């Protein structure tokens, strides 16, 4: 992790206590981040395979340990409620249990870079993300490009549209449980073809072992 070079183009967030704590935790659990960040102001970390809630936990400690500010997406209910995916709830934005500290929870998650998204809104998630980030001079957006943990052999197109709309650099990243690390790979230039860019990403993730699944490029199994 020591080789991750930060520049003035990156959103630096030095945390006096949480930074050392994040580095300590990663050392204890033997988890690392390898590779490098391009010297760009707007970066999308496009990660896969996503197969466990531990992916987000490890990513959180990486964010703390690197003294960088990451943005991440979460359902709006996650920002104010104790999230419990109750099947009888028709509105996906009201999952979970309200509690009296919802405003504090919302403030904390925003402070750590959270971007709440409304799934029931007519405005798509991708457009909501673009609207919230377009005014920022620099950002690092962490995306699990498969979307859900249960999916495989597929990638959602949001990374392409967000990257094109915000002129952001896409950094494919392996969530590599076999080697216990996040591997930042060489930046991938976006083309004008969504399918071509999805194909290029899937090639990068082929045979990477997540916690609960292996990513296979379509047509290889």
C-alpha atoms as a PDB file:
ATOM      1  CA  UNK A   1       0.000   0.000   0.000  1.00  0.00           C
ATOM      2  CA  UNK A   2       2.960   2.301   0.559  1.00  0.00           C
ATOM      3  CA  UNK A   3       3.463   2.564  -3.193  1.00  0.00           C
ATOM      4  CA  UNK A   4       0.050   4.221  -3.780  1.00  0.00           C
ATOM      5  CA  UNK A   5       1.197   7.661  -4.880  1.00  0.00           C
ATOM      6  CA  UNK A   6      -1.193  10.521  -4.161  1.00  0.00           C
ATOM      7  CA  UNK A   7      -1.044  13.843  -5.995  1.00  0.00           C
ATOM      8  CA  UNK A   8      -2.798  17.187  -5.734  1.00  0.00           C
ATOM      9  CA  UNK A   9      -5.283  15.919  -8.318  1.00  0.00           C
ATOM     10  CA  UNK A  10      -6.596  13.298  -5.902  1.00  0.00           C
ATOM     11  CA  UNK A  11      -9.201  14.035  -3.183  1.00  0.00           C
ATOM     12  CA  UNK A  12      -6.944  13.713  -0.121  1.00  0.00           C
ATOM     13  CA  UNK A  13      -8.594  13.173   3.256  1.00  0.00           C
ATOM     14  CA  UNK A  14      -6.058  12.700   6.044  1.00  0.00           C
ATOM     15  CA  UNK A  15      -7.795  11.293   9.123  1.00  0.00           C
ATOM     16  CA  UNK A  16      -5.749  11.722  12.296  1.00  0.00           C
ATOM     17  CA  UNK A  17      -7.091   8.644  14.060  1.00  0.00           C
ATOM     18  CA  UNK A  18      -9.015   6.655  11.448  1.00  0.00           C
ATOM     19  CA  UNK A  19      -6.128   6.612   8.959  1.00  0.00           C
ATOM     20  CA  UNK A  20      -3.714   4.756  11.283  1.00  0.00           C
ATOM     21  CA  UNK A  21      -6.614   2.598  12.470  1.00  0.00           C
ATOM     22  CA  UNK A  22      -7.430   1.577   8.880  1.00  0.00           C
ATOM     23  CA  UNK A  23      -3.797   0.655   8.208  1.00  0.00           C
ATOM     24  CA  UNK A  24      -3.675  -1.353  11.437  1.00  0.00           C
ATOM     25  CA  UNK A  25      -6.833  -3.296  10.578  1.00  0.00           C
ATOM     26  CA  UNK A  26      -5.631  -4.136   7.058  1.00  0.00           C
ATOM     27  CA  UNK A  27      -2.346  -5.385   8.466  1.00  0.00           C
ATOM     28  CA  UNK A  28      -4.117  -7.567  11.029  1.00  0.00           C
ATOM     29  CA  UNK A  29      -6.467  -9.127   8.471  1.00  0.00           C
ATOM     30  CA  UNK A  30      -3.659  -9.409   5.901  1.00  0.00           C
ATOM     31  CA  UNK A  31      -5.466  -7.422   3.210  1.00  0.00           C
ATOM     32  CA  UNK A  32      -3.776  -4.987   0.821  1.00  0.00           C
ATOM     33  CA  UNK A  33      -4.229  -2.725  -2.191  1.00  0.00           C
ATOM     34  CA  UNK A  34      -1.766  -2.943  -5.077  1.00  0.00           C
ATOM     35  CA  UNK A  35      -1.324  -0.987  -8.285  1.00  0.00           C
ATOM     36  CA  UNK A  36      -1.566   2.749  -8.687  1.00  0.00           C
ATOM     37  CA  UNK A  37      -4.025   5.571  -9.215  1.00  0.00           C
ATOM     38  CA  UNK A  38      -3.670   7.615 -12.402  1.00  0.00           C
ATOM     39  CA  UNK A  39      -2.846  11.271 -11.854  1.00  0.00           C
ATOM     40  CA  UNK A  40      -6.369  12.363 -12.750  1.00  0.00           C
ATOM     41  CA  UNK A  41      -8.945  14.501 -10.968  1.00  0.00           C
ATOM     42  CA  UNK A  42     -11.931  12.270 -11.682  1.00  0.00           C
ATOM     43  CA  UNK A  43     -11.592   8.521 -11.200  1.00  0.00           C
ATOM     44  CA  UNK A  44     -14.039   5.614 -11.228  1.00  0.00           C
ATOM     45  CA  UNK A  45     -12.795   2.484  -9.464  1.00  0.00           C
ATOM     46  CA  UNK A  46     -14.747  -0.228 -11.284  1.00  0.00           C
ATOM     47  CA  UNK A  47     -14.524  -3.315  -9.071  1.00  0.00           C
ATOM     48  CA  UNK A  48     -15.522  -6.980  -9.436  1.00  0.00           C
ATOM     49  CA  UNK A  49     -16.355  -9.686  -8.569  1.00  0.00           C
ATOM     50  CA  UNK A  50     -18.831  -8.524  -5.936  1.00  0.00           C
ATOM     51  CA  UNK A  51     -19.979 -11.511  -3.884  1.00  0.00           C
ATOM     52  CA  UNK A  52     -20.032 -10.525  -0.210  1.00  0.00           C
ATOM     53  CA  UNK A  53     -20.762  -7.672   2.168  1.00  0.00           C
ATOM     54  CA  UNK A  54     -17.122  -8.053   3.219  1.00  0.00           C
ATOM     55  CA  UNK A  55     -16.188  -6.413  -0.108  1.00  0.00           C
ATOM     56  CA  UNK A  56     -17.575  -3.115   1.161  1.00  0.00           C
ATOM     57  CA  UNK A  57     -16.005  -3.537   4.594  1.00  0.00           C
ATOM     58  CA  UNK A  58     -12.536  -4.107   3.132  1.00  0.00           C
ATOM     59  CA  UNK A  59     -13.008  -1.208   0.696  1.00  0.00           C
ATOM     60  CA  UNK A  60     -13.948   1.028   3.619  1.00  0.00           C
ATOM     61  CA  UNK A  61     -10.706   0.273   5.476  1.00  0.00           C
ATOM     62  CA  UNK A  62      -8.707   0.750   2.260  1.00  0.00           C
ATOM     63  CA  UNK A  63     -10.283   4.191   1.930  1.00  0.00           C
ATOM     64  CA  UNK A  64      -9.233   5.082   5.483  1.00  0.00           C
ATOM     65  CA  UNK A  65      -5.758   3.597   5.151  1.00  0.00           C
ATOM     66  CA  UNK A  66      -4.894   5.429   1.919  1.00  0.00           C
ATOM     67  CA  UNK A  67      -5.937   8.857   3.238  1.00  0.00           C
ATOM     68  CA  UNK A  68      -8.239   9.316   0.271  1.00  0.00           C
ATOM     69  CA  UNK A  69     -11.915  10.244   0.087  1.00  0.00           C
ATOM     70  CA  UNK A  70     -13.996   7.725  -1.853  1.00  0.00           C
ATOM     71  CA  UNK A  71     -17.601   8.156  -2.914  1.00  0.00           C
ATOM     72  CA  UNK A  72     -19.846   5.115  -2.863  1.00  0.00           C
ATOM     73  CA  UNK A  73     -23.488   4.424  -3.677  1.00  0.00           C
ATOM     74  CA  UNK A  74     -26.153   3.253  -1.281  1.00  0.00           C
ATOM     75  CA  UNK A  75     -29.914   3.016  -1.177  1.00  0.00           C
ATOM     76  CA  UNK A  76     -31.424   6.099   0.457  1.00  0.00           C
ATOM     77  CA  UNK A  77     -32.844   3.866   3.196  1.00  0.00           C
ATOM     78  CA  UNK A  78     -29.311   2.877   4.195  1.00  0.00           C
ATOM     79  CA  UNK A  79     -28.625   6.499   5.155  1.00  0.00           C
ATOM     80  CA  UNK A  80     -31.375   6.860   7.760  1.00  0.00           C
ATOM     81  CA  UNK A  81     -32.544   3.363   8.719  1.00  0.00           C
ATOM     82  CA  UNK A  82     -31.360   0.069  10.112  1.00  0.00           C
ATOM     83  CA  UNK A  83     -31.435  -1.794   6.829  1.00  0.00           C
ATOM     84  CA  UNK A  84     -33.463  -4.993   6.891  1.00  0.00           C
ATOM     85  CA  UNK A  85     -34.618  -6.203   3.439  1.00  0.00           C
ATOM     86  CA  UNK A  86     -38.212  -6.948   4.391  1.00  0.00           C
ATOM     87  CA  UNK A  87     -39.927  -8.641   1.443  1.00  0.00           C
ATOM     88  CA  UNK A  88     -43.349  -7.064   2.087  1.00  0.00           C
ATOM     89  CA  UNK A  89     -42.079  -3.553   1.531  1.00  0.00           C
ATOM     90  CA  UNK A  90     -43.217  -2.349  -1.889  1.00  0.00           C
ATOM     91  CA  UNK A  91     -41.116   0.805  -1.834  1.00  0.00           C
ATOM     92  CA  UNK A  92     -37.382  -0.099  -2.094  1.00  0.00           C
ATOM     93  CA  UNK A  93     -36.484   3.301  -0.674  1.00  0.00           C
ATOM     94  CA  UNK A  94     -38.215   2.534   2.635  1.00  0.00           C
ATOM     95  CA  UNK A  95     -36.568  -0.765   3.501  1.00  0.00           C
ATOM     96  CA  UNK A  96     -35.369  -1.082   7.059  1.00  0.00           C
ATOM     97  CA  UNK A  97     -36.318   0.170  10.483  1.00  0.00           C
ATOM     98  CA  UNK A  98     -36.494   3.920  11.276  1.00  0.00           C
ATOM     99  CA  UNK A  99     -34.710   4.999  14.445  1.00  0.00           C
ATOM    100  CA  UNK A 100     -34.203   8.279  16.347  1.00  0.00           C
ATOM    101  CA  UNK A 101     -30.578   8.676  15.226  1.00  0.00           C
ATOM    102  CA  UNK A 102     -31.361   8.651  11.505  1.00  0.00           C
ATOM    103  CA  UNK A 103     -30.204  12.235  10.965  1.00  0.00           C
ATOM    104  CA  UNK A 104     -26.867  11.481  12.615  1.00  0.00           C
ATOM    105  CA  UNK A 105     -26.461   8.314  10.530  1.00  0.00           C
ATOM    106  CA  UNK A 106     -27.220  10.321   7.383  1.00  0.00           C
ATOM    107  CA  UNK A 107     -24.629  12.963   8.266  1.00  0.00           C
ATOM    108  CA  UNK A 108     -21.928  10.380   9.029  1.00  0.00           C
ATOM    109  CA  UNK A 109     -22.445   8.455   5.779  1.00  0.00           C
ATOM    110  CA  UNK A 110     -22.412  11.661   3.741  1.00  0.00           C
ATOM    111  CA  UNK A 111     -19.205  12.686   5.512  1.00  0.00           C
ATOM    112  CA  UNK A 112     -17.600   9.412   4.460  1.00  0.00           C
ATOM    113  CA  UNK A 113     -18.537   9.979   0.818  1.00  0.00           C
ATOM    114  CA  UNK A 114     -21.861   8.197   0.568  1.00  0.00           C
ATOM    115  CA  UNK A 115     -24.178   9.054  -2.313  1.00  0.00           C
ATOM    116  CA  UNK A 116     -27.809   8.108  -1.597  1.00  0.00           C
ATOM    117  CA  UNK A 117     -29.783   6.845  -4.584  1.00  0.00           C
ATOM    118  CA  UNK A 118     -33.548   6.550  -4.903  1.00  0.00           C
ATOM    119  CA  UNK A 119     -34.497   3.362  -6.729  1.00  0.00           C
ATOM    120  CA  UNK A 120     -38.185   4.251  -6.880  1.00  0.00           C
ATOM    121  CA  UNK A 121     -37.564   7.602  -8.589  1.00  0.00           C
ATOM    122  CA  UNK A 122     -38.326   8.032 -12.258  1.00  0.00           C
ATOM    123  CA  UNK A 123     -34.804   9.436 -12.617  1.00  0.00           C
ATOM    124  CA  UNK A 124     -32.433   6.496 -13.070  1.00  0.00           C
ATOM    125  CA  UNK A 125     -29.634   5.747 -10.617  1.00  0.00           C
ATOM    126  CA  UNK A 126     -26.949   6.616 -13.178  1.00  0.00           C
ATOM    127  CA  UNK A 127     -28.438  10.057 -13.783  1.00  0.00           C
ATOM    128  CA  UNK A 128     -28.733  10.679 -10.025  1.00  0.00           C
ATOM    129  CA  UNK A 129     -25.031   9.892  -9.575  1.00  0.00           C
ATOM    130  CA  UNK A 130     -24.042  12.154 -12.455  1.00  0.00           C
ATOM    131  CA  UNK A 131     -26.099  15.019 -11.018  1.00  0.00           C
ATOM    132  CA  UNK A 132     -24.432  14.677  -7.596  1.00  0.00           C
ATOM    133  CA  UNK A 133     -20.871  14.484  -8.908  1.00  0.00           C
ATOM    134  CA  UNK A 134     -20.866  16.852 -11.885  1.00  0.00           C
ATOM    135  CA  UNK A 135     -20.147  19.919  -9.741  1.00  0.00           C
ATOM    136  CA  UNK A 136     -17.113  18.325  -8.062  1.00  0.00           C
ATOM    137  CA  UNK A 137     -13.710  19.243  -9.433  1.00  0.00           C
ATOM    138  CA  UNK A 138     -12.218  15.933  -8.347  1.00  0.00           C
ATOM    139  CA  UNK A 139     -13.553  12.677  -6.989  1.00  0.00           C
ATOM    140  CA  UNK A 140     -12.926   8.941  -6.663  1.00  0.00           C
ATOM    141  CA  UNK A 141     -16.119   6.925  -7.157  1.00  0.00           C
ATOM    142  CA  UNK A 142     -16.069   3.295  -6.025  1.00  0.00           C
ATOM    143  CA  UNK A 143     -18.459   1.154  -8.093  1.00  0.00           C
ATOM    144  CA  UNK A 144     -19.184  -2.559  -7.934  1.00  0.00           C
ATOM    145  CA  UNK A 145     -19.945  -2.875 -11.629  1.00  0.00           C
ATOM    146  CA  UNK A 146     -21.962  -6.092 -11.355  1.00  0.00           C
ATOM    147  CA  UNK A 147     -24.496  -4.264  -9.231  1.00  0.00           C
ATOM    148  CA  UNK A 148     -25.756  -7.132  -7.082  1.00  0.00           C
ATOM    149  CA  UNK A 149     -23.837  -9.897  -5.328  1.00  0.00           C
ATOM    150  CA  UNK A 150     -25.892 -12.703  -6.883  1.00  0.00           C
ATOM    151  CA  UNK A 151     -25.108 -11.783 -10.498  1.00  0.00           C
ATOM    152  CA  UNK A 152     -22.296 -13.227 -12.588  1.00  0.00           C
ATOM    153  CA  UNK A 153     -21.072 -13.072 -16.160  1.00  0.00           C
ATOM    154  CA  UNK A 154     -22.611  -9.645 -16.545  1.00  0.00           C
ATOM    155  CA  UNK A 155     -21.701  -6.008 -15.943  1.00  0.00           C
ATOM    156  CA  UNK A 156     -24.028  -3.037 -15.694  1.00  0.00           C
ATOM    157  CA  UNK A 157     -23.487  -0.112 -18.036  1.00  0.00           C
ATOM    158  CA  UNK A 158     -23.485   2.653 -15.397  1.00  0.00           C
ATOM    159  CA  UNK A 159     -19.674   2.947 -15.290  1.00  0.00           C
ATOM    160  CA  UNK A 160     -19.654   3.770 -19.028  1.00  0.00           C
ATOM    161  CA  UNK A 161     -22.335   6.480 -18.897  1.00  0.00           C
ATOM    162  CA  UNK A 162     -20.996   8.068 -15.703  1.00  0.00           C
ATOM    163  CA  UNK A 163     -17.447   8.019 -17.073  1.00  0.00           C
ATOM    164  CA  UNK A 164     -18.444   9.576 -20.398  1.00  0.00           C
ATOM    165  CA  UNK A 165     -20.717  12.206 -18.838  1.00  0.00           C
ATOM    166  CA  UNK A 166     -18.162  13.316 -16.228  1.00  0.00           C
ATOM    167  CA  UNK A 167     -14.985  12.765 -18.252  1.00  0.00           C
ATOM    168  CA  UNK A 168     -13.752  10.353 -15.576  1.00  0.00           C
ATOM    169  CA  UNK A 169     -10.934   7.807 -15.864  1.00  0.00           C
ATOM    170  CA  UNK A 170     -12.033   4.195 -15.318  1.00  0.00           C
ATOM    171  CA  UNK A 171      -9.652   2.039 -13.262  1.00  0.00           C
ATOM    172  CA  UNK A 172     -10.644  -1.664 -13.384  1.00  0.00           C
ATOM    173  CA  UNK A 173     -10.077  -3.189  -9.959  1.00  0.00           C
ATOM    174  CA  UNK A 174     -10.054  -6.840  -8.930  1.00  0.00           C
ATOM    175  CA  UNK A 175     -11.594  -7.806  -5.586  1.00  0.00           C
ATOM    176  CA  UNK A 176      -9.106 -10.650  -5.277  1.00  0.00           C
ATOM    177  CA  UNK A 177      -9.766 -12.918  -2.307  1.00  0.00           C
ATOM    178  CA  UNK A 178      -7.258 -15.520  -3.474  1.00  0.00           C
ATOM    179  CA  UNK A 179      -4.435 -13.026  -2.919  1.00  0.00           C
ATOM    180  CA  UNK A 180      -6.344 -10.947  -0.338  1.00  0.00           C
ATOM    181  CA  UNK A 181      -6.111  -7.626  -2.089  1.00  0.00           C
ATOM    182  CA  UNK A 182      -7.719  -4.980  -4.241  1.00  0.00           C
ATOM    183  CA  UNK A 183      -5.698  -4.810  -7.450  1.00  0.00           C
ATOM    184  CA  UNK A 184      -5.844  -1.488  -9.276  1.00  0.00           C
ATOM    185  CA  UNK A 185      -5.180  -2.245 -12.935  1.00  0.00           C
ATOM    186  CA  UNK A 186      -4.172  -0.028 -15.817  1.00  0.00           C
ATOM    187  CA  UNK A 187      -6.742   2.648 -16.619  1.00  0.00           C
ATOM    188  CA  UNK A 188      -9.161   1.681 -19.359  1.00  0.00           C
ATOM    189  CA  UNK A 189     -10.044   4.309 -21.978  1.00  0.00           C
ATOM    190  CA  UNK A 190     -13.746   4.439 -22.740  1.00  0.00           C
ATOM    191  CA  UNK A 191     -14.993   4.071 -26.292  1.00  0.00           C
ATOM    192  CA  UNK A 192     -18.311   5.128 -27.793  1.00  0.00           C
ATOM    193  CA  UNK A 193     -19.593   1.570 -27.487  1.00  0.00           C
ATOM    194  CA  UNK A 194     -21.153   0.410 -24.201  1.00  0.00           C
ATOM    195  CA  UNK A 195     -20.896  -3.244 -25.174  1.00  0.00           C
ATOM    196  CA  UNK A 196     -17.255  -2.916 -26.199  1.00  0.00           C
ATOM    197  CA  UNK A 197     -16.371  -1.330 -22.852  1.00  0.00           C
ATOM    198  CA  UNK A 198     -18.297  -3.973 -20.909  1.00  0.00           C
ATOM    199  CA  UNK A 199     -16.494  -6.684 -22.873  1.00  0.00           C
ATOM    200  CA  UNK A 200     -13.119  -5.098 -22.085  1.00  0.00           C
ATOM    201  CA  UNK A 201     -13.917  -4.997 -18.360  1.00  0.00           C
ATOM    202  CA  UNK A 202     -15.126  -8.586 -18.279  1.00  0.00           C
ATOM    203  CA  UNK A 203     -11.862  -9.646 -19.901  1.00  0.00           C
ATOM    204  CA  UNK A 204      -9.982  -8.016 -17.002  1.00  0.00           C
ATOM    205  CA  UNK A 205     -12.057  -9.817 -14.358  1.00  0.00           C
ATOM    206  CA  UNK A 206     -12.081 -13.269 -15.965  1.00  0.00           C
ATOM    207  CA  UNK A 207     -11.267 -16.030 -13.416  1.00  0.00           C
ATOM    208  CA  UNK A 208     -10.787 -13.613 -10.506  1.00  0.00           C
ATOM    209  CA  UNK A 209     -11.866 -15.306  -7.271  1.00  0.00           C
ATOM    210  CA  UNK A 210     -14.215 -13.318  -5.059  1.00  0.00           C
ATOM    211  CA  UNK A 211     -15.271 -14.463  -1.615  1.00  0.00           C
ATOM    212  CA  UNK A 212     -18.243 -16.501  -2.795  1.00  0.00           C
ATOM    213  CA  UNK A 213     -17.825 -16.800  -6.551  1.00  0.00           C
ATOM    214  CA  UNK A 214     -15.406 -16.731  -9.465  1.00  0.00           C
ATOM    215  CA  UNK A 215     -16.014 -14.228 -12.244  1.00  0.00           C
ATOM    216  CA  UNK A 216     -16.310 -15.871 -15.642  1.00  0.00           C
ATOM    217  CA  UNK A 217     -16.380 -14.008 -18.896  1.00  0.00           C
ATOM    218  CA  UNK A 218     -19.558 -14.970 -20.810  1.00  0.00           C
ATOM    219  CA  UNK A 219     -19.088 -17.872 -23.178  1.00  0.00           C
ATOM    220  CA  UNK A 220     -16.197 -19.403 -21.234  1.00  0.00           C
ATOM    221  CA  UNK A 221     -18.184 -21.815 -19.031  1.00  0.00           C
END
